[in-house]
Amino acid sequence: LVSDRFLPDRQVNHIAQRYNRLCFLIYKANGVSIGDKGELPPMPKIGKSGTYDEEKAKEIKPAEAPTTMNVHRWTLDEDLAILKAVPVFGSCWADISSKLMPHRDRGHIRKRSST
């Protein structure tokens, strides 16, 4: 663990709390809609027609593929794109993949969104 190796005098829960707070501040600073208690906006109910707000969808910046050889790691830009896209696209993971992250599979995006 990071706490054992680099911060031996700190407890793990203190480090986790500070990391969560840092993520909260980064997401808020980048325009992700998060409530004061950390709740995300509800996922919209999009039917089989797949209609969503095109104007809001255009405002979301597509995430670039990681520049390293290890594509399995997620970047901050990808996380921000997912957090901004889910309230707009709902569970249309294929649309999120094709419009914002063509280098990621829709199943990967769905799993990352749920964590």
Foldseek 3Di string as FASTA:
>chain_A
DCCVPPNVPDDPVVVVVVVVVVLVVVLVVVPQDADPVGDHDDFDDDDPVQDWDVVLVVPQAADDQDPDPCRVDDDPSLVSSLSSCRNTRPLPLVVSCVSRNVVDDSVVSVVVSVD
